[in-house]
Amino acid sequence: MPIKELLIYCFVATSSMILMSFVAHMLVGGLVSPRTELFVQIGLCGTVATLIGFMAWDVAKRRRKK
Protein backbone atom coordinates (compact mmCIF):
# COMPACT_ATOMS: atom_id res chain seq x y z
CA MET A 1 0.00 0.00 0.00
CA PRO A 2 1.57 3.31 -1.02
CA ILE A 3 2.38 5.90 1.63
CA LYS A 4 -0.06 8.43 0.16
CA GLU A 5 -2.93 5.96 0.47
CA LEU A 6 -1.91 5.04 4.01
CA LEU A 7 -1.92 8.72 5.02
CA ILE A 8 -5.42 9.12 3.60
CA TYR A 9 -6.69 6.10 5.57
CA CYS A 10 -5.07 7.46 8.75
CA PHE A 11 -6.67 10.87 8.21
CA VAL A 12 -10.09 9.31 7.58
CA ALA A 13 -9.75 7.06 10.63
CA THR A 14 -8.72 9.95 12.89
CA SER A 15 -11.49 12.25 11.72
CA SER A 16 -14.03 9.42 12.04
CA MET A 17 -12.94 8.69 15.61
CA ILE A 18 -13.36 12.35 16.57
CA LEU A 19 -16.75 12.53 14.89
CA MET A 20 -18.01 9.29 16.47
CA SER A 21 -16.86 10.41 19.90
CA PHE A 22 -18.73 13.68 19.47
CA VAL A 23 -21.85 11.90 18.20
CA ALA A 24 -21.88 9.60 21.23
CA HIS A 25 -21.40 12.58 23.53
CA MET A 26 -24.29 14.47 21.93
CA LEU A 27 -26.63 11.45 22.01
CA VAL A 28 -26.06 10.19 25.55
CA GLY A 29 -24.22 13.06 27.28
CA GLY A 30 -26.20 14.19 30.31
CA LEU A 31 -28.61 11.24 30.09
CA VAL A 32 -26.23 8.71 31.61
CA SER A 33 -23.29 8.86 33.95
CA PRO A 34 -19.95 10.09 32.57
CA ARG A 35 -18.50 6.59 32.98
CA THR A 36 -21.26 5.03 30.88
CA GLU A 37 -20.81 7.76 28.27
CA LEU A 38 -17.11 6.90 28.11
CA PHE A 39 -17.91 3.21 27.58
CA VAL A 40 -20.34 4.11 24.78
CA GLN A 41 -17.68 6.29 23.13
CA ILE A 42 -15.06 3.54 23.41
CA GLY A 43 -17.42 0.93 21.98
CA LEU A 44 -18.53 3.12 19.10
CA CYS A 45 -14.99 4.23 18.24
CA GLY A 46 -13.74 0.64 18.46
CA THR A 47 -16.46 -0.52 16.09
CA VAL A 48 -15.73 2.24 13.58
CA ALA A 49 -11.96 1.61 13.80
CA THR A 50 -12.55 -2.09 13.12
CA LEU A 51 -14.73 -1.30 10.11
CA ILE A 52 -12.21 1.17 8.68
CA GLY A 53 -9.42 -1.35 9.21
CA PHE A 54 -11.42 -4.02 7.42
CA MET A 55 -12.11 -1.60 4.57
CA ALA A 56 -8.40 -0.79 4.18
CA TRP A 57 -7.48 -4.50 4.35
CA ASP A 58 -10.11 -5.34 1.70
CA VAL A 59 -8.88 -2.61 -0.65
CA ALA A 60 -5.26 -3.75 -0.24
CA LYS A 61 -6.26 -7.38 -0.86
CA ARG A 62 -8.22 -6.50 -4.02
CA ARG A 63 -5.36 -4.43 -5.41
CA ARG A 64 -2.87 -7.26 -4.87
CA LYS A 65 -5.02 -9.53 -7.06
CA LYS A 66 -4.81 -7.17 -10.06
C-alpha atoms as a PDB file:
ATOM      1  CA  MET A   1       0.000   0.000   0.000  1.00  0.00           C
ATOM      2  CA  PRO A   2       1.567   3.310  -1.023  1.00  0.00           C
ATOM      3  CA  ILE A   3       2.377   5.903   1.631  1.00  0.00           C
ATOM      4  CA  LYS A   4      -0.063   8.430   0.164  1.00  0.00           C
ATOM      5  CA  GLU A   5      -2.926   5.956   0.473  1.00  0.00           C
ATOM      6  CA  LEU A   6      -1.905   5.041   4.012  1.00  0.00           C
ATOM      7  CA  LEU A   7      -1.923   8.718   5.023  1.00  0.00           C
ATOM      8  CA  ILE A   8      -5.415   9.115   3.599  1.00  0.00           C
ATOM      9  CA  TYR A   9      -6.686   6.098   5.572  1.00  0.00           C
ATOM     10  CA  CYS A  10      -5.068   7.461   8.750  1.00  0.00           C
ATOM     11  CA  PHE A  11      -6.667  10.868   8.205  1.00  0.00           C
ATOM     12  CA  VAL A  12     -10.091   9.313   7.584  1.00  0.00           C
ATOM     13  CA  ALA A  13      -9.754   7.060  10.632  1.00  0.00           C
ATOM     14  CA  THR A  14      -8.717   9.946  12.889  1.00  0.00           C
ATOM     15  CA  SER A  15     -11.494  12.247  11.725  1.00  0.00           C
ATOM     16  CA  SER A  16     -14.026   9.421  12.039  1.00  0.00           C
ATOM     17  CA  MET A  17     -12.940   8.693  15.610  1.00  0.00           C
ATOM     18  CA  ILE A  18     -13.356  12.349  16.573  1.00  0.00           C
ATOM     19  CA  LEU A  19     -16.746  12.533  14.888  1.00  0.00           C
ATOM     20  CA  MET A  20     -18.008   9.292  16.466  1.00  0.00           C
ATOM     21  CA  SER A  21     -16.859  10.406  19.901  1.00  0.00           C
ATOM     22  CA  PHE A  22     -18.731  13.679  19.468  1.00  0.00           C
ATOM     23  CA  VAL A  23     -21.852  11.900  18.205  1.00  0.00           C
ATOM     24  CA  ALA A  24     -21.881   9.596  21.230  1.00  0.00           C
ATOM     25  CA  HIS A  25     -21.401  12.581  23.533  1.00  0.00           C
ATOM     26  CA  MET A  26     -24.293  14.466  21.927  1.00  0.00           C
ATOM     27  CA  LEU A  27     -26.626  11.446  22.014  1.00  0.00           C
ATOM     28  CA  VAL A  28     -26.058  10.194  25.551  1.00  0.00           C
ATOM     29  CA  GLY A  29     -24.225  13.060  27.280  1.00  0.00           C
ATOM     30  CA  GLY A  30     -26.202  14.191  30.307  1.00  0.00           C
ATOM     31  CA  LEU A  31     -28.607  11.238  30.090  1.00  0.00           C
ATOM     32  CA  VAL A  32     -26.234   8.706  31.606  1.00  0.00           C
ATOM     33  CA  SER A  33     -23.286   8.855  33.955  1.00  0.00           C
ATOM     34  CA  PRO A  34     -19.953  10.089  32.570  1.00  0.00           C
ATOM     35  CA  ARG A  35     -18.504   6.593  32.983  1.00  0.00           C
ATOM     36  CA  THR A  36     -21.265   5.032  30.881  1.00  0.00           C
ATOM     37  CA  GLU A  37     -20.805   7.764  28.272  1.00  0.00           C
ATOM     38  CA  LEU A  38     -17.109   6.902  28.107  1.00  0.00           C
ATOM     39  CA  PHE A  39     -17.907   3.208  27.581  1.00  0.00           C
ATOM     40  CA  VAL A  40     -20.336   4.109  24.775  1.00  0.00           C
ATOM     41  CA  GLN A  41     -17.678   6.289  23.130  1.00  0.00           C
ATOM     42  CA  ILE A  42     -15.057   3.541  23.413  1.00  0.00           C
ATOM     43  CA  GLY A  43     -17.422   0.933  21.984  1.00  0.00           C
ATOM     44  CA  LEU A  44     -18.528   3.121  19.101  1.00  0.00           C
ATOM     45  CA  CYS A  45     -14.992   4.232  18.240  1.00  0.00           C
ATOM     46  CA  GLY A  46     -13.741   0.642  18.459  1.00  0.00           C
ATOM     47  CA  THR A  47     -16.459  -0.521  16.092  1.00  0.00           C
ATOM     48  CA  VAL A  48     -15.728   2.240  13.584  1.00  0.00           C
ATOM     49  CA  ALA A  49     -11.962   1.607  13.804  1.00  0.00           C
ATOM     50  CA  THR A  50     -12.551  -2.087  13.123  1.00  0.00           C
ATOM     51  CA  LEU A  51     -14.732  -1.301  10.106  1.00  0.00           C
ATOM     52  CA  ILE A  52     -12.208   1.168   8.679  1.00  0.00           C
ATOM     53  CA  GLY A  53      -9.421  -1.353   9.213  1.00  0.00           C
ATOM     54  CA  PHE A  54     -11.425  -4.018   7.418  1.00  0.00           C
ATOM     55  CA  MET A  55     -12.113  -1.602   4.568  1.00  0.00           C
ATOM     56  CA  ALA A  56      -8.402  -0.789   4.176  1.00  0.00           C
ATOM     57  CA  TRP A  57      -7.483  -4.495   4.346  1.00  0.00           C
ATOM     58  CA  ASP A  58     -10.106  -5.342   1.703  1.00  0.00           C
ATOM     59  CA  VAL A  59      -8.880  -2.610  -0.646  1.00  0.00           C
ATOM     60  CA  ALA A  60      -5.262  -3.746  -0.243  1.00  0.00           C
ATOM     61  CA  LYS A  61      -6.263  -7.378  -0.862  1.00  0.00           C
ATOM     62  CA  ARG A  62      -8.225  -6.497  -4.016  1.00  0.00           C
ATOM     63  CA  ARG A  63      -5.358  -4.426  -5.406  1.00  0.00           C
ATOM     64  CA  ARG A  64      -2.873  -7.261  -4.869  1.00  0.00           C
ATOM     65  CA  LYS A  65      -5.023  -9.530  -7.056  1.00  0.00           C
ATOM     66  CA  LYS A  66      -4.807  -7.172 -10.056  1.00  0.00           C
END
